[in-house]
Amino acid sequence: MLNRNYTPNFKNVSLERRLQTSRSRIDRCSINIIKNRDNLLRYAQEYINFSRWLTWEVQTPEIEKESATGLRYASKMYAAFLKLAEQPEQEQTFKIYDLPEVTWNGKGMLESGYAAPSEWLDAYFLAVITRDTESMGSLANFPIETMKQSATQAGPVSYKLVEVFQAYHNHLPDFPMLLNNTMEELLADGDDWSIYIGMGYLETLAALTPATFDIGCDFNEALAKNVQAQERYHINESGPDHAPVDSFLPLQLLGMACMWHDRGNQVLVESDSLPRFLIEGKYF
C-alpha cells in the first residue's frame, strides 16, 4: 500500500463542508450549463476536483458511484469544450446525459487561451478512465496545430507529449521514435515538471508496451514510482498554504492503470490515489 505523504488539514474547512460546497455547485449545473459556453469547462473541473476530494471519504458504494458519475459528466464536458475549439466558427449541439441540450460555437476560445496541452491531457485521460471511447477518439484526432494557436502557450515539449499519446492511441508506426525523442527533450529541459511529471507520464506509457520498450522495470513498478514522484512534485508546487489537489487523483497515471487492467493485466499498486473501482471500470 502506497501511503500518501500529504494529509489535508480539515480543522479549518472540514471534508464534509468541502464536499457539500461542491455538491451545491454541481446541483446548479443543469441551470448554468445553458448560460455560458465556458461552463462546460468550469463544471468539468468542478466534477474532477469533487472526485479528488472524495478520495478522502470512506469509500462506500454510494461514494464510489458519486465519484464515477461526476467523472463521466466531466469527460463529456471536456471533450465537447475542446471540440468547439477545434472548429471555432461552427455551431455545435451537445446533449450530455440528462443535462439540457446546448448549442455553442468556439469563437474566441483560442484567443482566450483555451485548448492548452494540459487541458487535452486531462480530457483524454478522463475519457480513458470512464471508458468514453467516443471522446477518446475525438481527442486523439485533435489537431496539435490548432492547439498551438491558443493564446496560452506551453513549452514545445508539452505539445510533443500530446503527439506521443495521439500516436499511441492511433497505433502510428512512428510512436516509438516519438516517445524516445520526447523523453530526450524532457531530460534536456531538466526542470521539475519535465522530470517528475512529463517523464513520469512517458515512463509509465513505455511500461505499458514492454514488447517495444525496456525501461528496466515492469508496469506496476513504474506506476508506483511515478505516483509517489508526482505527489512530491505537487506538494512542492502547491506550497505550505495549499493542498496538492492534483495528486489526490492523478488522471494520467490512473488512466494508464485502467489501460493496463483492460488488457487483462493485474494492477498491483494499492493507493487511495488510484481508486480500485475506477481502475476496474466498475460503474462504466
C-alpha atoms as a PDB file:
ATOM      1  CA  MET A   1       0.000   0.000   0.000  1.00  0.00           C
ATOM      2  CA  LEU A   2       1.374   3.406  -1.002  1.00  0.00           C
ATOM      3  CA  ASN A   3       0.596   5.814   1.801  1.00  0.00           C
ATOM      4  CA  ARG A   4       0.122   9.440   0.885  1.00  0.00           C
ATOM      5  CA  ASN A   5       2.759  11.844   2.121  1.00  0.00           C
ATOM      6  CA  TYR A   6       0.217  14.628   2.456  1.00  0.00           C
ATOM      7  CA  THR A   7      -2.878  14.679   4.644  1.00  0.00           C
ATOM      8  CA  PRO A   8      -5.225  17.686   4.357  1.00  0.00           C
ATOM      9  CA  ASN A   9      -5.913  19.772   7.438  1.00  0.00           C
ATOM     10  CA  PHE A  10      -9.664  19.514   7.852  1.00  0.00           C
ATOM     11  CA  LYS A  11      -9.752  21.603  11.034  1.00  0.00           C
ATOM     12  CA  ASN A  12     -10.434  24.914   9.309  1.00  0.00           C
ATOM     13  CA  VAL A  13     -12.562  23.513   6.487  1.00  0.00           C
ATOM     14  CA  SER A  14     -13.963  20.060   7.151  1.00  0.00           C
ATOM     15  CA  LEU A  15     -14.149  17.435   4.431  1.00  0.00           C
ATOM     16  CA  GLU A  16     -17.936  17.386   4.837  1.00  0.00           C
ATOM     17  CA  ARG A  17     -18.111  21.137   4.196  1.00  0.00           C
ATOM     18  CA  ARG A  18     -15.852  20.931   1.155  1.00  0.00           C
ATOM     19  CA  LEU A  19     -17.928  18.149  -0.357  1.00  0.00           C
ATOM     20  CA  GLN A  20     -21.205  19.874   0.410  1.00  0.00           C
ATOM     21  CA  THR A  21     -19.998  23.064  -1.286  1.00  0.00           C
ATOM     22  CA  SER A  22     -19.146  21.083  -4.415  1.00  0.00           C
ATOM     23  CA  ARG A  23     -22.446  19.242  -4.333  1.00  0.00           C
ATOM     24  CA  SER A  24     -24.308  22.556  -4.132  1.00  0.00           C
ATOM     25  CA  ARG A  25     -22.448  23.865  -7.176  1.00  0.00           C
ATOM     26  CA  ILE A  26     -22.991  20.647  -9.096  1.00  0.00           C
ATOM     27  CA  ASP A  27     -26.718  20.755  -8.317  1.00  0.00           C
ATOM     28  CA  ARG A  28     -26.886  24.005 -10.307  1.00  0.00           C
ATOM     29  CA  CYS A  29     -25.173  22.514 -13.347  1.00  0.00           C
ATOM     30  CA  SER A  30     -28.365  21.927 -15.339  1.00  0.00           C
ATOM     31  CA  ILE A  31     -29.288  25.597 -14.881  1.00  0.00           C
ATOM     32  CA  ASN A  32     -25.887  27.143 -15.502  1.00  0.00           C
ATOM     33  CA  ILE A  33     -24.721  24.919 -18.360  1.00  0.00           C
ATOM     34  CA  ILE A  34     -27.093  26.720 -20.747  1.00  0.00           C
ATOM     35  CA  LYS A  35     -25.970  30.215 -19.703  1.00  0.00           C
ATOM     36  CA  ASN A  36     -22.344  30.240 -20.727  1.00  0.00           C
ATOM     37  CA  ARG A  37     -20.253  28.115 -23.070  1.00  0.00           C
ATOM     38  CA  ASP A  38     -17.276  28.205 -20.703  1.00  0.00           C
ATOM     39  CA  ASN A  39     -19.371  26.471 -18.049  1.00  0.00           C
ATOM     40  CA  LEU A  40     -18.634  23.250 -19.919  1.00  0.00           C
ATOM     41  CA  LEU A  41     -15.038  23.592 -18.754  1.00  0.00           C
ATOM     42  CA  ARG A  42     -15.817  25.048 -15.333  1.00  0.00           C
ATOM     43  CA  TYR A  43     -18.162  22.212 -14.431  1.00  0.00           C
ATOM     44  CA  ALA A  44     -15.796  19.589 -15.828  1.00  0.00           C
ATOM     45  CA  GLN A  45     -13.137  20.915 -13.479  1.00  0.00           C
ATOM     46  CA  GLU A  46     -15.636  21.097 -10.607  1.00  0.00           C
ATOM     47  CA  TYR A  47     -16.521  17.434 -11.077  1.00  0.00           C
ATOM     48  CA  ILE A  48     -12.855  16.427 -11.230  1.00  0.00           C
ATOM     49  CA  ASN A  49     -11.953  18.267  -8.039  1.00  0.00           C
ATOM     50  CA  PHE A  50     -15.047  16.859  -6.344  1.00  0.00           C
ATOM     51  CA  SER A  51     -13.902  13.325  -7.165  1.00  0.00           C
ATOM     52  CA  ARG A  52     -10.416  14.165  -5.949  1.00  0.00           C
ATOM     53  CA  TRP A  53     -11.688  15.273  -2.538  1.00  0.00           C
ATOM     54  CA  LEU A  54     -13.955  12.214  -2.421  1.00  0.00           C
ATOM     55  CA  THR A  55     -10.823  10.041  -2.253  1.00  0.00           C
ATOM     56  CA  TRP A  56     -10.528  11.221   1.377  1.00  0.00           C
ATOM     57  CA  GLU A  57     -14.021   9.970   2.169  1.00  0.00           C
ATOM     58  CA  VAL A  58     -14.826   6.441   3.341  1.00  0.00           C
ATOM     59  CA  GLN A  59     -15.237   4.548   0.073  1.00  0.00           C
ATOM     60  CA  THR A  60     -18.780   3.239   0.313  1.00  0.00           C
ATOM     61  CA  PRO A  61     -20.629   2.108  -2.838  1.00  0.00           C
ATOM     62  CA  GLU A  62     -22.577   5.382  -2.728  1.00  0.00           C
ATOM     63  CA  ILE A  63     -19.388   7.474  -2.647  1.00  0.00           C
ATOM     64  CA  GLU A  64     -17.821   5.386  -5.407  1.00  0.00           C
ATOM     65  CA  LYS A  65     -20.836   5.839  -7.655  1.00  0.00           C
ATOM     66  CA  GLU A  66     -20.971   9.582  -6.957  1.00  0.00           C
ATOM     67  CA  SER A  67     -17.317   9.938  -7.908  1.00  0.00           C
ATOM     68  CA  ALA A  68     -17.619   7.819 -11.045  1.00  0.00           C
ATOM     69  CA  THR A  69     -20.758   9.641 -12.168  1.00  0.00           C
ATOM     70  CA  GLY A  70     -19.059  13.016 -11.797  1.00  0.00           C
ATOM     71  CA  LEU A  71     -16.103  11.882 -13.893  1.00  0.00           C
ATOM     72  CA  ARG A  72     -18.466  10.611 -16.606  1.00  0.00           C
ATOM     73  CA  TYR A  73     -20.028  14.057 -16.890  1.00  0.00           C
ATOM     74  CA  ALA A  74     -16.616  15.730 -16.781  1.00  0.00           C
ATOM     75  CA  SER A  75     -15.331  13.579 -19.628  1.00  0.00           C
ATOM     76  CA  LYS A  76     -18.184  14.537 -21.959  1.00  0.00           C
ATOM     77  CA  MET A  77     -17.958  18.219 -20.989  1.00  0.00           C
ATOM     78  CA  TYR A  78     -14.213  18.417 -21.550  1.00  0.00           C
ATOM     79  CA  ALA A  79     -14.391  16.662 -24.919  1.00  0.00           C
ATOM     80  CA  ALA A  80     -17.265  18.896 -26.039  1.00  0.00           C
ATOM     81  CA  PHE A  81     -15.408  22.036 -24.985  1.00  0.00           C
ATOM     82  CA  LEU A  82     -12.281  21.105 -26.927  1.00  0.00           C
ATOM     83  CA  LYS A  83     -14.394  20.125 -29.937  1.00  0.00           C
ATOM     84  CA  LEU A  84     -15.621  23.714 -30.041  1.00  0.00           C
ATOM     85  CA  ALA A  85     -12.033  24.982 -30.056  1.00  0.00           C
ATOM     86  CA  GLU A  86     -11.218  22.641 -32.933  1.00  0.00           C
ATOM     87  CA  GLN A  87     -13.907  24.198 -35.156  1.00  0.00           C
ATOM     88  CA  PRO A  88     -14.486  27.653 -33.656  1.00  0.00           C
ATOM     89  CA  GLU A  89     -16.726  29.031 -36.420  1.00  0.00           C
ATOM     90  CA  GLN A  90     -19.106  26.097 -36.403  1.00  0.00           C
ATOM     91  CA  GLU A  91     -22.248  25.888 -34.273  1.00  0.00           C
ATOM     92  CA  GLN A  92     -22.349  22.528 -32.491  1.00  0.00           C
ATOM     93  CA  THR A  93     -25.037  20.930 -30.367  1.00  0.00           C
ATOM     94  CA  PHE A  94     -24.294  18.717 -27.376  1.00  0.00           C
ATOM     95  CA  LYS A  95     -26.584  16.601 -25.228  1.00  0.00           C
ATOM     96  CA  ILE A  96     -24.676  15.338 -22.196  1.00  0.00           C
ATOM     97  CA  TYR A  97     -26.681  12.632 -20.431  1.00  0.00           C
ATOM     98  CA  ASP A  98     -29.645  14.232 -18.636  1.00  0.00           C
ATOM     99  CA  LEU A  99     -28.393  17.823 -18.913  1.00  0.00           C
ATOM    100  CA  PRO A 100     -30.202  20.299 -21.185  1.00  0.00           C
ATOM    101  CA  GLU A 101     -29.170  20.341 -24.817  1.00  0.00           C
ATOM    102  CA  VAL A 102     -26.815  23.233 -25.614  1.00  0.00           C
ATOM    103  CA  THR A 103     -25.613  24.785 -28.856  1.00  0.00           C
ATOM    104  CA  TRP A 104     -22.435  26.835 -28.969  1.00  0.00           C
ATOM    105  CA  ASN A 105     -19.612  27.859 -31.251  1.00  0.00           C
ATOM    106  CA  GLY A 106     -15.965  28.194 -30.317  1.00  0.00           C
ATOM    107  CA  LYS A 107     -15.351  31.776 -31.406  1.00  0.00           C
ATOM    108  CA  GLY A 108     -12.748  33.481 -29.245  1.00  0.00           C
ATOM    109  CA  MET A 109     -11.696  30.326 -27.404  1.00  0.00           C
ATOM    110  CA  LEU A 110      -8.179  30.180 -28.784  1.00  0.00           C
ATOM    111  CA  GLU A 111      -7.739  33.903 -28.259  1.00  0.00           C
ATOM    112  CA  SER A 112      -8.774  33.386 -24.627  1.00  0.00           C
ATOM    113  CA  GLY A 113      -6.093  30.756 -24.131  1.00  0.00           C
ATOM    114  CA  TYR A 114      -8.139  27.572 -24.178  1.00  0.00           C
ATOM    115  CA  ALA A 115      -7.051  24.262 -25.751  1.00  0.00           C
ATOM    116  CA  ALA A 116      -3.714  24.125 -23.937  1.00  0.00           C
ATOM    117  CA  PRO A 117      -1.854  20.770 -23.837  1.00  0.00           C
ATOM    118  CA  SER A 118      -2.616  20.401 -20.123  1.00  0.00           C
ATOM    119  CA  GLU A 119      -6.346  20.583 -20.892  1.00  0.00           C
ATOM    120  CA  TRP A 120      -6.007  17.975 -23.602  1.00  0.00           C
ATOM    121  CA  LEU A 121      -4.114  15.614 -21.290  1.00  0.00           C
ATOM    122  CA  ASP A 122      -6.806  15.911 -18.610  1.00  0.00           C
ATOM    123  CA  ALA A 123      -9.606  15.483 -21.149  1.00  0.00           C
ATOM    124  CA  TYR A 124      -8.082  12.463 -22.862  1.00  0.00           C
ATOM    125  CA  PHE A 125      -7.336  10.559 -19.683  1.00  0.00           C
ATOM    126  CA  LEU A 126     -10.748  11.357 -18.240  1.00  0.00           C
ATOM    127  CA  ALA A 127     -12.144   9.624 -21.298  1.00  0.00           C
ATOM    128  CA  VAL A 128      -9.791   6.681 -20.725  1.00  0.00           C
ATOM    129  CA  ILE A 129     -10.811   6.342 -17.070  1.00  0.00           C
ATOM    130  CA  THR A 130     -14.533   6.497 -17.858  1.00  0.00           C
ATOM    131  CA  ARG A 131     -14.148   4.236 -20.912  1.00  0.00           C
ATOM    132  CA  ASP A 132     -15.636   7.014 -23.032  1.00  0.00           C
ATOM    133  CA  THR A 133     -14.428   5.725 -26.392  1.00  0.00           C
ATOM    134  CA  GLU A 134     -16.267   8.414 -28.364  1.00  0.00           C
ATOM    135  CA  SER A 135     -14.437  11.214 -26.551  1.00  0.00           C
ATOM    136  CA  MET A 136     -11.125   9.338 -26.714  1.00  0.00           C
ATOM    137  CA  GLY A 137     -11.423   9.066 -30.484  1.00  0.00           C
ATOM    138  CA  SER A 138     -12.327  12.726 -30.896  1.00  0.00           C
ATOM    139  CA  LEU A 139      -9.434  13.911 -28.731  1.00  0.00           C
ATOM    140  CA  ALA A 140      -6.944  11.531 -30.341  1.00  0.00           C
ATOM    141  CA  ASN A 141      -7.514  13.402 -33.592  1.00  0.00           C
ATOM    142  CA  PHE A 142      -7.479  16.940 -32.195  1.00  0.00           C
ATOM    143  CA  PRO A 143      -5.087  18.955 -34.414  1.00  0.00           C
ATOM    144  CA  ILE A 144      -1.967  19.939 -32.499  1.00  0.00           C
ATOM    145  CA  GLU A 145      -1.517  22.890 -34.847  1.00  0.00           C
ATOM    146  CA  THR A 146      -4.852  24.242 -33.604  1.00  0.00           C
ATOM    147  CA  MET A 147      -3.638  23.803 -30.041  1.00  0.00           C
ATOM    148  CA  LYS A 148      -0.565  25.873 -30.849  1.00  0.00           C
ATOM    149  CA  GLN A 149      -2.811  28.784 -31.858  1.00  0.00           C
ATOM    150  CA  SER A 150      -4.052  29.136 -28.286  1.00  0.00           C
ATOM    151  CA  ALA A 151      -3.047  32.340 -26.562  1.00  0.00           C
ATOM    152  CA  THR A 152      -1.852  30.244 -23.632  1.00  0.00           C
ATOM    153  CA  GLN A 153       1.417  28.940 -24.982  1.00  0.00           C
ATOM    154  CA  ALA A 154       3.092  25.948 -23.357  1.00  0.00           C
ATOM    155  CA  GLY A 155       6.659  24.780 -23.781  1.00  0.00           C
ATOM    156  CA  PRO A 156       7.395  22.876 -27.025  1.00  0.00           C
ATOM    157  CA  VAL A 157       7.742  19.555 -25.214  1.00  0.00           C
ATOM    158  CA  SER A 158       4.175  19.805 -23.884  1.00  0.00           C
ATOM    159  CA  TYR A 159       2.837  19.596 -27.443  1.00  0.00           C
ATOM    160  CA  LYS A 160       5.164  16.659 -28.053  1.00  0.00           C
ATOM    161  CA  LEU A 161       3.537  14.848 -25.124  1.00  0.00           C
ATOM    162  CA  VAL A 162       0.144  15.234 -26.767  1.00  0.00           C
ATOM    163  CA  GLU A 163       1.629  13.995 -30.035  1.00  0.00           C
ATOM    164  CA  VAL A 164       3.039  10.909 -28.311  1.00  0.00           C
ATOM    165  CA  PHE A 165      -0.285   9.928 -26.755  1.00  0.00           C
ATOM    166  CA  GLN A 166      -2.134  10.560 -30.008  1.00  0.00           C
ATOM    167  CA  ALA A 167       0.363   8.365 -31.847  1.00  0.00           C
ATOM    168  CA  TYR A 168      -0.068   5.655 -29.228  1.00  0.00           C
ATOM    169  CA  HIS A 169      -3.859   5.804 -29.437  1.00  0.00           C
ATOM    170  CA  ASN A 170      -3.867   5.735 -33.258  1.00  0.00           C
ATOM    171  CA  HIS A 171      -1.236   2.947 -33.475  1.00  0.00           C
ATOM    172  CA  LEU A 172       1.030   5.090 -35.631  1.00  0.00           C
ATOM    173  CA  PRO A 173       4.300   3.462 -36.711  1.00  0.00           C
ATOM    174  CA  ASP A 174       6.415   6.401 -35.516  1.00  0.00           C
ATOM    175  CA  PHE A 175       5.146   6.086 -31.930  1.00  0.00           C
ATOM    176  CA  PRO A 176       8.386   4.517 -30.547  1.00  0.00           C
ATOM    177  CA  MET A 177      10.518   7.210 -32.165  1.00  0.00           C
ATOM    178  CA  LEU A 178       8.249   9.989 -30.891  1.00  0.00           C
ATOM    179  CA  LEU A 179       8.338   8.617 -27.356  1.00  0.00           C
ATOM    180  CA  ASN A 180      12.119   8.286 -27.329  1.00  0.00           C
ATOM    181  CA  ASN A 181      12.642  11.762 -28.771  1.00  0.00           C
ATOM    182  CA  THR A 182      10.214  13.347 -26.314  1.00  0.00           C
ATOM    183  CA  MET A 183      11.929  11.623 -23.395  1.00  0.00           C
ATOM    184  CA  GLU A 184      15.237  13.093 -24.564  1.00  0.00           C
ATOM    185  CA  GLU A 185      13.677  16.565 -24.777  1.00  0.00           C
ATOM    186  CA  LEU A 186      12.234  16.277 -21.276  1.00  0.00           C
ATOM    187  CA  LEU A 187      15.615  15.258 -19.894  1.00  0.00           C
ATOM    188  CA  ALA A 188      17.252  18.137 -21.746  1.00  0.00           C
ATOM    189  CA  ASP A 189      14.744  20.599 -20.248  1.00  0.00           C
ATOM    190  CA  GLY A 190      15.623  19.241 -16.837  1.00  0.00           C
ATOM    191  CA  ASP A 191      13.113  21.267 -14.806  1.00  0.00           C
ATOM    192  CA  ASP A 192      10.999  19.639 -12.102  1.00  0.00           C
ATOM    193  CA  TRP A 193       7.866  19.423 -14.253  1.00  0.00           C
ATOM    194  CA  SER A 194       9.758  17.722 -17.078  1.00  0.00           C
ATOM    195  CA  ILE A 195      11.460  15.216 -14.779  1.00  0.00           C
ATOM    196  CA  TYR A 196       8.656  14.368 -12.343  1.00  0.00           C
ATOM    197  CA  ILE A 197       5.538  14.885 -14.439  1.00  0.00           C
ATOM    198  CA  GLY A 198       6.381  14.595 -18.131  1.00  0.00           C
ATOM    199  CA  MET A 199       8.903  11.790 -17.701  1.00  0.00           C
ATOM    200  CA  GLY A 200       6.529  10.098 -15.276  1.00  0.00           C
ATOM    201  CA  TYR A 201       3.851  10.011 -17.964  1.00  0.00           C
ATOM    202  CA  LEU A 202       6.179   8.590 -20.582  1.00  0.00           C
ATOM    203  CA  GLU A 203       7.925   6.061 -18.332  1.00  0.00           C
ATOM    204  CA  THR A 204       4.531   4.675 -17.390  1.00  0.00           C
ATOM    205  CA  LEU A 205       3.407   4.671 -21.017  1.00  0.00           C
ATOM    206  CA  ALA A 206       6.578   2.858 -22.067  1.00  0.00           C
ATOM    207  CA  ALA A 207       5.926   0.231 -19.385  1.00  0.00           C
ATOM    208  CA  LEU A 208       2.518  -0.361 -20.983  1.00  0.00           C
ATOM    209  CA  THR A 209       4.310  -1.676 -24.067  1.00  0.00           C
ATOM    210  CA  PRO A 210       7.066  -3.964 -22.709  1.00  0.00           C
ATOM    211  CA  ALA A 211       7.464  -5.674 -26.083  1.00  0.00           C
ATOM    212  CA  THR A 212       8.513  -2.318 -27.566  1.00  0.00           C
ATOM    213  CA  PHE A 213      10.352  -0.666 -24.666  1.00  0.00           C
ATOM    214  CA  ASP A 214      12.569  -1.991 -21.891  1.00  0.00           C
ATOM    215  CA  ILE A 215      12.839   0.652 -19.180  1.00  0.00           C
ATOM    216  CA  GLY A 216      14.279  -1.686 -16.573  1.00  0.00           C
ATOM    217  CA  CYS A 217      11.090  -2.168 -14.559  1.00  0.00           C
ATOM    218  CA  ASP A 218       7.604  -3.552 -15.084  1.00  0.00           C
ATOM    219  CA  PHE A 219       4.386  -1.596 -15.280  1.00  0.00           C
ATOM    220  CA  ASN A 220       3.493  -1.823 -11.606  1.00  0.00           C
ATOM    221  CA  GLU A 221       6.957  -0.661 -10.557  1.00  0.00           C
ATOM    222  CA  ALA A 222       6.786   2.301 -12.951  1.00  0.00           C
ATOM    223  CA  LEU A 223       3.280   3.181 -11.750  1.00  0.00           C
ATOM    224  CA  ALA A 224       4.233   3.068  -8.062  1.00  0.00           C
ATOM    225  CA  LYS A 225       7.372   5.106  -8.637  1.00  0.00           C
ATOM    226  CA  ASN A 226       5.574   7.836 -10.540  1.00  0.00           C
ATOM    227  CA  VAL A 227       2.545   8.090  -8.233  1.00  0.00           C
ATOM    228  CA  GLN A 228       4.998   8.907  -5.449  1.00  0.00           C
ATOM    229  CA  ALA A 229       7.153  11.207  -7.588  1.00  0.00           C
ATOM    230  CA  GLN A 230       4.167  13.193  -8.810  1.00  0.00           C
ATOM    231  CA  GLU A 231       2.785  13.572  -5.318  1.00  0.00           C
ATOM    232  CA  ARG A 232       6.113  15.038  -4.190  1.00  0.00           C
ATOM    233  CA  TYR A 233       6.069  17.419  -7.146  1.00  0.00           C
ATOM    234  CA  HIS A 234       2.530  18.641  -6.416  1.00  0.00           C
ATOM    235  CA  ILE A 235       3.271  19.063  -2.700  1.00  0.00           C
ATOM    236  CA  ASN A 236       6.291  21.233  -3.522  1.00  0.00           C
ATOM    237  CA  GLU A 237       4.445  23.164  -6.226  1.00  0.00           C
ATOM    238  CA  SER A 238       1.419  23.877  -4.025  1.00  0.00           C
ATOM    239  CA  GLY A 239       3.464  25.141  -1.104  1.00  0.00           C
ATOM    240  CA  PRO A 240       2.519  25.026   2.571  1.00  0.00           C
ATOM    241  CA  ASP A 241      -0.721  27.008   2.235  1.00  0.00           C
ATOM    242  CA  HIS A 242      -2.458  24.973  -0.466  1.00  0.00           C
ATOM    243  CA  ALA A 243      -3.436  21.329  -0.792  1.00  0.00           C
ATOM    244  CA  PRO A 244      -1.790  19.401  -3.662  1.00  0.00           C
ATOM    245  CA  VAL A 245      -5.228  18.570  -5.062  1.00  0.00           C
ATOM    246  CA  ASP A 246      -3.986  17.226  -8.420  1.00  0.00           C
ATOM    247  CA  SER A 247      -2.139  14.447  -6.595  1.00  0.00           C
ATOM    248  CA  PHE A 248      -5.338  13.172  -4.975  1.00  0.00           C
ATOM    249  CA  LEU A 249      -6.383  11.663  -8.314  1.00  0.00           C
ATOM    250  CA  PRO A 250      -3.539  11.742 -10.885  1.00  0.00           C
ATOM    251  CA  LEU A 251      -5.628  11.411 -14.048  1.00  0.00           C
ATOM    252  CA  GLN A 252      -2.864  10.400 -16.445  1.00  0.00           C
ATOM    253  CA  LEU A 253      -1.358   7.689 -14.227  1.00  0.00           C
ATOM    254  CA  LEU A 254      -4.801   6.459 -13.232  1.00  0.00           C
ATOM    255  CA  GLY A 255      -5.781   6.333 -16.894  1.00  0.00           C
ATOM    256  CA  MET A 256      -2.771   4.200 -17.763  1.00  0.00           C
ATOM    257  CA  ALA A 257      -3.593   1.883 -14.856  1.00  0.00           C
ATOM    258  CA  CYS A 258      -7.033   1.485 -16.453  1.00  0.00           C
ATOM    259  CA  MET A 259      -5.400   0.673 -19.788  1.00  0.00           C
ATOM    260  CA  TRP A 260      -3.207  -1.960 -18.127  1.00  0.00           C
ATOM    261  CA  HIS A 261      -6.210  -3.507 -16.387  1.00  0.00           C
ATOM    262  CA  ASP A 262      -8.356  -3.532 -19.527  1.00  0.00           C
ATOM    263  CA  ARG A 263      -5.705  -5.569 -21.322  1.00  0.00           C
ATOM    264  CA  GLY A 264      -6.166  -8.329 -18.798  1.00  0.00           C
ATOM    265  CA  ASN A 265      -3.225  -7.439 -16.583  1.00  0.00           C
ATOM    266  CA  GLN A 266      -3.144  -7.013 -12.818  1.00  0.00           C
ATOM    267  CA  VAL A 267      -2.684  -3.596 -11.267  1.00  0.00           C
ATOM    268  CA  LEU A 268      -0.851  -4.486  -8.064  1.00  0.00           C
ATOM    269  CA  VAL A 269      -0.306  -0.944  -6.800  1.00  0.00           C
ATOM    270  CA  GLU A 270      -2.614  -0.127  -3.887  1.00  0.00           C
ATOM    271  CA  SER A 271      -3.142   3.568  -3.296  1.00  0.00           C
ATOM    272  CA  ASP A 272      -6.014   5.831  -2.297  1.00  0.00           C
ATOM    273  CA  SER A 273      -4.950   7.949  -5.282  1.00  0.00           C
ATOM    274  CA  LEU A 274      -5.744   5.052  -7.629  1.00  0.00           C
ATOM    275  CA  PRO A 275      -9.272   4.003  -6.627  1.00  0.00           C
ATOM    276  CA  ARG A 276      -9.794   0.360  -7.460  1.00  0.00           C
ATOM    277  CA  PHE A 277     -13.377   0.891  -8.640  1.00  0.00           C
ATOM    278  CA  LEU A 278     -12.118   3.331 -11.282  1.00  0.00           C
ATOM    279  CA  ILE A 279      -9.306   1.052 -12.422  1.00  0.00           C
ATOM    280  CA  GLU A 280     -11.772  -1.807 -12.811  1.00  0.00           C
ATOM    281  CA  GLY A 281     -14.380   0.352 -14.525  1.00  0.00           C
ATOM    282  CA  LYS A 282     -16.997  -0.772 -12.044  1.00  0.00           C
ATOM    283  CA  TYR A 283     -19.536   1.923 -12.924  1.00  0.00           C
ATOM    284  CA  PHE A 284     -18.694   2.273 -16.607  1.00  0.00           C
END
